[in-house]
Amino acid sequence: MDIFKLIEEARIVPVIVIEDEKDALPLAEALRKGGINIAEVTFRTDAAKASIEKISATYPDMLVGAGTVLTIGQVDEAVKAGAKFIVTPGSNPKVIEYCVKNNITIIPGCANPSNVELALENGLNVVKFFPAEQAGGINYIKAISAPYGNVRFMPTGGINPQNVGSYLKEKCIIACGGSWMVKKDLIANKQFEEITRLCKEALDIAKE
């Protein structure tokens, strides 16, 4: 499985906070109906591990990753639950080295050239740029990517329907992470049809 190829093909990676594991499968179904077959489930909640397990077991063809992973222990929990890739908010050398050593796909968070070089030192050339808009947006990414021609960025943070297109048109962007189509209140209120609609809308923008 070429995970990075699948991420690039997806273009949009929903970043999801699930508070109740009962919402995991209806949410996954909503994403799939909207044409999105990938999800980054953040490890911020008690329901995250069980949610990854449920989605991975029910939809084995869906690319499910774990986000906001902070420790090696969380890496192990996420992978055991079925996560196919790990996303971290920052560049924790120990977590990066552990994942590389154990052949676990990791997309470390980077916000400056030093972070990018830490990733490169570990043989990684796909990084998360976070928080994207707050840290300077697409213009900053283009500026810092210049010396690193083989590095691809997955910007996350402040991405929305109005600016996602400006990111995706750049070759240095592999995909964009976003939560606007899977906001917590939409999930909590079981507005899964609206999530499907927003996913379709997001993909239409990504194809422009």
C-alpha atoms as a PDB file:
ATOM      1  CA  MET A   1       0.000   0.000   0.000  1.00  0.00           C
ATOM      2  CA  ASP A   2       1.471   3.329  -1.113  1.00  0.00           C
ATOM      3  CA  ILE A   3      -0.003   5.531   1.583  1.00  0.00           C
ATOM      4  CA  PHE A   4       1.409   8.781   0.262  1.00  0.00           C
ATOM      5  CA  LYS A   5       0.041   8.070  -3.204  1.00  0.00           C
ATOM      6  CA  LEU A   6      -3.400   7.488  -1.699  1.00  0.00           C
ATOM      7  CA  ILE A   7      -3.151  10.725   0.289  1.00  0.00           C
ATOM      8  CA  GLU A   8      -2.159  12.624  -2.835  1.00  0.00           C
ATOM      9  CA  GLU A   9      -5.063  11.128  -4.766  1.00  0.00           C
ATOM     10  CA  ALA A  10      -7.475  12.015  -1.948  1.00  0.00           C
ATOM     11  CA  ARG A  11      -6.421  15.713  -2.055  1.00  0.00           C
ATOM     12  CA  ILE A  12      -8.505  16.402   1.055  1.00  0.00           C
ATOM     13  CA  VAL A  13      -7.844  14.712   4.434  1.00  0.00           C
ATOM     14  CA  PRO A  14     -10.667  15.229   6.966  1.00  0.00           C
ATOM     15  CA  VAL A  15      -9.245  15.889  10.432  1.00  0.00           C
ATOM     16  CA  ILE A  16     -11.810  14.459  12.832  1.00  0.00           C
ATOM     17  CA  VAL A  17     -12.450  14.786  16.553  1.00  0.00           C
ATOM     18  CA  ILE A  18     -14.797  11.999  17.677  1.00  0.00           C
ATOM     19  CA  GLU A  19     -16.230  12.361  21.175  1.00  0.00           C
ATOM     20  CA  ASP A  20     -18.523   9.302  21.029  1.00  0.00           C
ATOM     21  CA  GLU A  21     -17.403   6.092  19.344  1.00  0.00           C
ATOM     22  CA  LYS A  22     -21.027   5.461  18.279  1.00  0.00           C
ATOM     23  CA  ASP A  23     -20.564   8.261  15.760  1.00  0.00           C
ATOM     24  CA  ALA A  24     -17.558   6.614  14.108  1.00  0.00           C
ATOM     25  CA  LEU A  25     -19.329   4.402  11.572  1.00  0.00           C
ATOM     26  CA  PRO A  26     -22.075   6.855  10.543  1.00  0.00           C
ATOM     27  CA  LEU A  27     -19.347   9.436  10.081  1.00  0.00           C
ATOM     28  CA  ALA A  28     -17.229   7.087   7.973  1.00  0.00           C
ATOM     29  CA  GLU A  29     -20.289   6.308   5.850  1.00  0.00           C
ATOM     30  CA  ALA A  30     -20.942  10.033   5.389  1.00  0.00           C
ATOM     31  CA  LEU A  31     -17.371  10.592   4.220  1.00  0.00           C
ATOM     32  CA  ARG A  32     -17.535   7.697   1.780  1.00  0.00           C
ATOM     33  CA  LYS A  33     -20.842   8.865   0.355  1.00  0.00           C
ATOM     34  CA  GLY A  34     -19.196  12.236  -0.162  1.00  0.00           C
ATOM     35  CA  GLY A  35     -16.363  10.624  -2.134  1.00  0.00           C
ATOM     36  CA  ILE A  36     -13.727  10.776   0.585  1.00  0.00           C
ATOM     37  CA  ASN A  37     -12.166   7.471   1.614  1.00  0.00           C
ATOM     38  CA  ILE A  38      -9.596   8.763   4.085  1.00  0.00           C
ATOM     39  CA  ALA A  39      -9.740  10.109   7.635  1.00  0.00           C
ATOM     40  CA  GLU A  40      -7.319  11.418  10.222  1.00  0.00           C
ATOM     41  CA  VAL A  41      -8.875  10.654  13.606  1.00  0.00           C
ATOM     42  CA  THR A  42      -7.286  12.820  16.261  1.00  0.00           C
ATOM     43  CA  PHE A  43      -6.054  11.104  19.401  1.00  0.00           C
ATOM     44  CA  ARG A  44      -7.403  13.922  21.589  1.00  0.00           C
ATOM     45  CA  THR A  45     -10.444  12.030  22.908  1.00  0.00           C
ATOM     46  CA  ASP A  46     -11.150   8.832  24.817  1.00  0.00           C
ATOM     47  CA  ALA A  47     -13.192   7.616  21.836  1.00  0.00           C
ATOM     48  CA  ALA A  48     -10.356   7.902  19.315  1.00  0.00           C
ATOM     49  CA  LYS A  49      -8.876   4.420  19.649  1.00  0.00           C
ATOM     50  CA  ALA A  50     -12.230   2.626  19.528  1.00  0.00           C
ATOM     51  CA  SER A  51     -13.333   4.795  16.609  1.00  0.00           C
ATOM     52  CA  ILE A  52     -10.232   3.878  14.591  1.00  0.00           C
ATOM     53  CA  GLU A  53     -10.837   0.207  15.404  1.00  0.00           C
ATOM     54  CA  LYS A  54     -14.464   0.339  14.250  1.00  0.00           C
ATOM     55  CA  ILE A  55     -13.804   2.199  11.021  1.00  0.00           C
ATOM     56  CA  SER A  56     -10.779   0.061  10.117  1.00  0.00           C
ATOM     57  CA  ALA A  57     -12.666  -3.190  10.774  1.00  0.00           C
ATOM     58  CA  THR A  58     -15.845  -2.187   8.959  1.00  0.00           C
ATOM     59  CA  TYR A  59     -14.182  -0.429   6.016  1.00  0.00           C
ATOM     60  CA  PRO A  60     -10.796  -2.095   5.488  1.00  0.00           C
ATOM     61  CA  ASP A  61     -10.365  -0.241   2.196  1.00  0.00           C
ATOM     62  CA  MET A  62     -10.584   3.117   3.971  1.00  0.00           C
ATOM     63  CA  LEU A  63      -7.282   4.821   4.756  1.00  0.00           C
ATOM     64  CA  VAL A  64      -7.520   5.673   8.447  1.00  0.00           C
ATOM     65  CA  GLY A  65      -4.781   7.517  10.280  1.00  0.00           C
ATOM     66  CA  ALA A  66      -4.276   8.838  13.799  1.00  0.00           C
ATOM     67  CA  GLY A  67      -3.631  12.540  14.333  1.00  0.00           C
ATOM     68  CA  THR A  68      -2.410  14.640  17.248  1.00  0.00           C
ATOM     69  CA  VAL A  69      -0.163  11.753  18.289  1.00  0.00           C
ATOM     70  CA  LEU A  70       2.242  12.956  20.973  1.00  0.00           C
ATOM     71  CA  THR A  71       3.950   9.865  22.407  1.00  0.00           C
ATOM     72  CA  ILE A  72       5.394   6.512  21.425  1.00  0.00           C
ATOM     73  CA  GLY A  73       2.683   4.881  23.544  1.00  0.00           C
ATOM     74  CA  GLN A  74       0.002   6.578  21.454  1.00  0.00           C
ATOM     75  CA  VAL A  75       1.725   5.411  18.281  1.00  0.00           C
ATOM     76  CA  ASP A  76       1.485   1.819  19.485  1.00  0.00           C
ATOM     77  CA  GLU A  77      -2.160   2.235  20.519  1.00  0.00           C
ATOM     78  CA  ALA A  78      -3.111   3.800  17.195  1.00  0.00           C
ATOM     79  CA  VAL A  79      -1.353   1.182  15.068  1.00  0.00           C
ATOM     80  CA  LYS A  80      -2.842  -1.646  17.121  1.00  0.00           C
ATOM     81  CA  ALA A  81      -6.275  -0.085  16.559  1.00  0.00           C
ATOM     82  CA  GLY A  82      -5.727  -0.139  12.804  1.00  0.00           C
ATOM     83  CA  ALA A  83      -4.239   3.266  11.961  1.00  0.00           C
ATOM     84  CA  LYS A  84      -2.280   3.137   8.706  1.00  0.00           C
ATOM     85  CA  PHE A  85      -0.427   6.394   9.281  1.00  0.00           C
ATOM     86  CA  ILE A  86       0.524   8.709  12.137  1.00  0.00           C
ATOM     87  CA  VAL A  87       0.309  12.502  12.109  1.00  0.00           C
ATOM     88  CA  THR A  88       1.991  14.606  14.792  1.00  0.00           C
ATOM     89  CA  PRO A  89       1.456  18.315  15.510  1.00  0.00           C
ATOM     90  CA  GLY A  90       5.184  18.912  15.957  1.00  0.00           C
ATOM     91  CA  SER A  91       8.541  17.273  15.329  1.00  0.00           C
ATOM     92  CA  ASN A  92       9.219  15.026  18.320  1.00  0.00           C
ATOM     93  CA  PRO A  93      12.550  13.320  17.493  1.00  0.00           C
ATOM     94  CA  LYS A  94      11.794  10.260  19.628  1.00  0.00           C
ATOM     95  CA  VAL A  95       8.393   9.658  18.043  1.00  0.00           C
ATOM     96  CA  ILE A  96       9.769  10.201  14.535  1.00  0.00           C
ATOM     97  CA  GLU A  97      12.706   7.848  15.097  1.00  0.00           C
ATOM     98  CA  TYR A  98      10.446   5.187  16.632  1.00  0.00           C
ATOM     99  CA  CYS A  99       8.069   5.250  13.667  1.00  0.00           C
ATOM    100  CA  VAL A 100      10.878   5.147  11.109  1.00  0.00           C
ATOM    101  CA  LYS A 101      12.610   2.289  12.940  1.00  0.00           C
ATOM    102  CA  ASN A 102       9.372   0.287  13.029  1.00  0.00           C
ATOM    103  CA  ASN A 103       8.284   1.058   9.454  1.00  0.00           C
ATOM    104  CA  ILE A 104       5.268   3.068  10.599  1.00  0.00           C
ATOM    105  CA  THR A 105       4.254   5.810   8.199  1.00  0.00           C
ATOM    106  CA  ILE A 106       4.518   9.159   9.950  1.00  0.00           C
ATOM    107  CA  ILE A 107       3.784  12.696   8.801  1.00  0.00           C
ATOM    108  CA  PRO A 108       5.479  14.950  11.343  1.00  0.00           C
ATOM    109  CA  GLY A 109       4.327  18.491  12.001  1.00  0.00           C
ATOM    110  CA  CYS A 110       6.682  21.144  10.677  1.00  0.00           C
ATOM    111  CA  ALA A 111       6.497  24.923  10.856  1.00  0.00           C
ATOM    112  CA  ASN A 112      10.042  25.967   9.943  1.00  0.00           C
ATOM    113  CA  PRO A 113      13.148  24.837   8.016  1.00  0.00           C
ATOM    114  CA  SER A 114      14.704  23.203  11.084  1.00  0.00           C
ATOM    115  CA  ASN A 115      11.658  20.923  11.445  1.00  0.00           C
ATOM    116  CA  VAL A 116      11.849  20.053   7.745  1.00  0.00           C
ATOM    117  CA  GLU A 117      15.517  19.147   8.075  1.00  0.00           C
ATOM    118  CA  LEU A 118      14.778  16.903  11.055  1.00  0.00           C
ATOM    119  CA  ALA A 119      12.281  15.048   8.874  1.00  0.00           C
ATOM    120  CA  LEU A 120      14.784  14.762   6.037  1.00  0.00           C
ATOM    121  CA  GLU A 121      17.439  13.501   8.435  1.00  0.00           C
ATOM    122  CA  ASN A 122      15.076  10.624   9.222  1.00  0.00           C
ATOM    123  CA  GLY A 123      14.402   9.865   5.575  1.00  0.00           C
ATOM    124  CA  LEU A 124      10.999  11.546   5.480  1.00  0.00           C
ATOM    125  CA  ASN A 125       9.939  13.877   2.673  1.00  0.00           C
ATOM    126  CA  VAL A 126       6.238  14.347   3.455  1.00  0.00           C
ATOM    127  CA  VAL A 127       5.450  16.657   6.358  1.00  0.00           C
ATOM    128  CA  LYS A 128       2.444  18.337   7.914  1.00  0.00           C
ATOM    129  CA  PHE A 129       2.591  22.130   7.890  1.00  0.00           C
ATOM    130  CA  PHE A 130       0.837  23.267  11.049  1.00  0.00           C
ATOM    131  CA  PRO A 131      -0.798  25.581  11.892  1.00  0.00           C
ATOM    132  CA  ALA A 132      -0.960  26.479   8.214  1.00  0.00           C
ATOM    133  CA  GLU A 133      -2.795  29.788   8.035  1.00  0.00           C
ATOM    134  CA  GLN A 134      -1.521  31.083  11.359  1.00  0.00           C
ATOM    135  CA  ALA A 135       2.086  30.234  10.444  1.00  0.00           C
ATOM    136  CA  GLY A 136       2.077  32.130   7.152  1.00  0.00           C
ATOM    137  CA  GLY A 137      -0.092  30.143   4.752  1.00  0.00           C
ATOM    138  CA  ILE A 138       0.764  29.073   1.240  1.00  0.00           C
ATOM    139  CA  ASN A 139       3.218  31.932   0.660  1.00  0.00           C
ATOM    140  CA  TYR A 140       5.303  30.823   3.643  1.00  0.00           C
ATOM    141  CA  ILE A 141       5.211  27.191   2.477  1.00  0.00           C
ATOM    142  CA  LYS A 142       6.392  28.211  -0.989  1.00  0.00           C
ATOM    143  CA  ALA A 143       9.206  30.226   0.568  1.00  0.00           C
ATOM    144  CA  ILE A 144      10.534  27.502   2.863  1.00  0.00           C
ATOM    145  CA  SER A 145      10.006  24.738   0.291  1.00  0.00           C
ATOM    146  CA  ALA A 146      12.374  26.379  -2.183  1.00  0.00           C
ATOM    147  CA  PRO A 147      15.549  24.765  -0.757  1.00  0.00           C
ATOM    148  CA  TYR A 148      13.794  21.418  -0.314  1.00  0.00           C
ATOM    149  CA  GLY A 149      12.610  20.470  -3.789  1.00  0.00           C
ATOM    150  CA  ASN A 150      11.673  16.904  -2.883  1.00  0.00           C
ATOM    151  CA  VAL A 151       9.599  17.753   0.211  1.00  0.00           C
ATOM    152  CA  ARG A 152       5.795  17.657   0.028  1.00  0.00           C
ATOM    153  CA  PHE A 153       3.617  19.470   2.552  1.00  0.00           C
ATOM    154  CA  MET A 154       0.198  18.638   4.003  1.00  0.00           C
ATOM    155  CA  PRO A 155      -1.044  21.973   5.391  1.00  0.00           C
ATOM    156  CA  THR A 156      -3.527  21.777   8.249  1.00  0.00           C
ATOM    157  CA  GLY A 157      -4.978  24.525  10.408  1.00  0.00           C
ATOM    158  CA  GLY A 158      -7.224  27.284   9.140  1.00  0.00           C
ATOM    159  CA  ILE A 159      -7.892  25.534   5.834  1.00  0.00           C
ATOM    160  CA  ASN A 160     -11.381  26.205   4.484  1.00  0.00           C
ATOM    161  CA  PRO A 161     -13.363  26.238   1.203  1.00  0.00           C
ATOM    162  CA  GLN A 162     -12.167  29.766   0.467  1.00  0.00           C
ATOM    163  CA  ASN A 163      -8.424  29.064   0.631  1.00  0.00           C
ATOM    164  CA  VAL A 164      -7.981  25.328   0.015  1.00  0.00           C
ATOM    165  CA  GLY A 165      -7.767  25.815  -3.748  1.00  0.00           C
ATOM    166  CA  SER A 166      -4.803  28.181  -3.430  1.00  0.00           C
ATOM    167  CA  TYR A 167      -2.895  25.473  -1.573  1.00  0.00           C
ATOM    168  CA  LEU A 168      -3.774  22.537  -3.804  1.00  0.00           C
ATOM    169  CA  LYS A 169      -2.622  24.220  -7.007  1.00  0.00           C
ATOM    170  CA  GLU A 170       0.982  24.180  -5.756  1.00  0.00           C
ATOM    171  CA  LYS A 171       3.158  21.161  -6.592  1.00  0.00           C
ATOM    172  CA  CYS A 172       4.746  21.149  -3.143  1.00  0.00           C
ATOM    173  CA  ILE A 173       1.342  20.341  -1.584  1.00  0.00           C
ATOM    174  CA  ILE A 174       0.480  16.644  -1.376  1.00  0.00           C
ATOM    175  CA  ALA A 175      -2.995  17.226   0.144  1.00  0.00           C
ATOM    176  CA  CYS A 176      -4.757  19.521   2.601  1.00  0.00           C
ATOM    177  CA  GLY A 177      -5.980  18.549   6.048  1.00  0.00           C
ATOM    178  CA  GLY A 178      -9.207  20.188   7.131  1.00  0.00           C
ATOM    179  CA  SER A 179     -12.028  19.965   9.621  1.00  0.00           C
ATOM    180  CA  TRP A 180     -14.613  22.294   8.108  1.00  0.00           C
ATOM    181  CA  MET A 181     -16.592  19.396   6.610  1.00  0.00           C
ATOM    182  CA  VAL A 182     -16.480  17.390   9.858  1.00  0.00           C
ATOM    183  CA  LYS A 183     -16.965  20.021  12.545  1.00  0.00           C
ATOM    184  CA  LYS A 184     -17.661  18.700  16.021  1.00  0.00           C
ATOM    185  CA  ASP A 185     -21.123  20.196  16.166  1.00  0.00           C
ATOM    186  CA  LEU A 186     -22.093  18.508  12.888  1.00  0.00           C
ATOM    187  CA  ILE A 187     -20.994  15.158  14.292  1.00  0.00           C
ATOM    188  CA  ALA A 188     -22.612  15.726  17.689  1.00  0.00           C
ATOM    189  CA  ASN A 189     -25.910  16.696  16.061  1.00  0.00           C
ATOM    190  CA  LYS A 190     -25.808  13.668  13.717  1.00  0.00           C
ATOM    191  CA  GLN A 191     -25.848  15.905  10.645  1.00  0.00           C
ATOM    192  CA  PHE A 192     -24.264  13.232   8.488  1.00  0.00           C
ATOM    193  CA  GLU A 193     -26.064  14.254   5.290  1.00  0.00           C
ATOM    194  CA  GLU A 194     -24.594  17.732   5.674  1.00  0.00           C
ATOM    195  CA  ILE A 195     -21.141  16.205   6.171  1.00  0.00           C
ATOM    196  CA  THR A 196     -21.607  14.255   2.928  1.00  0.00           C
ATOM    197  CA  ARG A 197     -22.629  17.451   1.122  1.00  0.00           C
ATOM    198  CA  LEU A 198     -19.610  19.342   2.444  1.00  0.00           C
ATOM    199  CA  CYS A 199     -17.293  16.494   1.415  1.00  0.00           C
ATOM    200  CA  LYS A 200     -18.638  16.580  -2.145  1.00  0.00           C
ATOM    201  CA  GLU A 201     -18.230  20.349  -2.181  1.00  0.00           C
ATOM    202  CA  ALA A 202     -14.639  20.047  -0.917  1.00  0.00           C
ATOM    203  CA  LEU A 203     -13.752  17.571  -3.654  1.00  0.00           C
ATOM    204  CA  ASP A 204     -15.296  19.794  -6.304  1.00  0.00           C
ATOM    205  CA  ILE A 205     -13.043  22.639  -5.137  1.00  0.00           C
ATOM    206  CA  ALA A 206     -10.020  20.311  -5.069  1.00  0.00           C
ATOM    207  CA  LYS A 207     -10.613  19.341  -8.704  1.00  0.00           C
ATOM    208  CA  GLU A 208     -10.763  22.914  -9.970  1.00  0.00           C
END
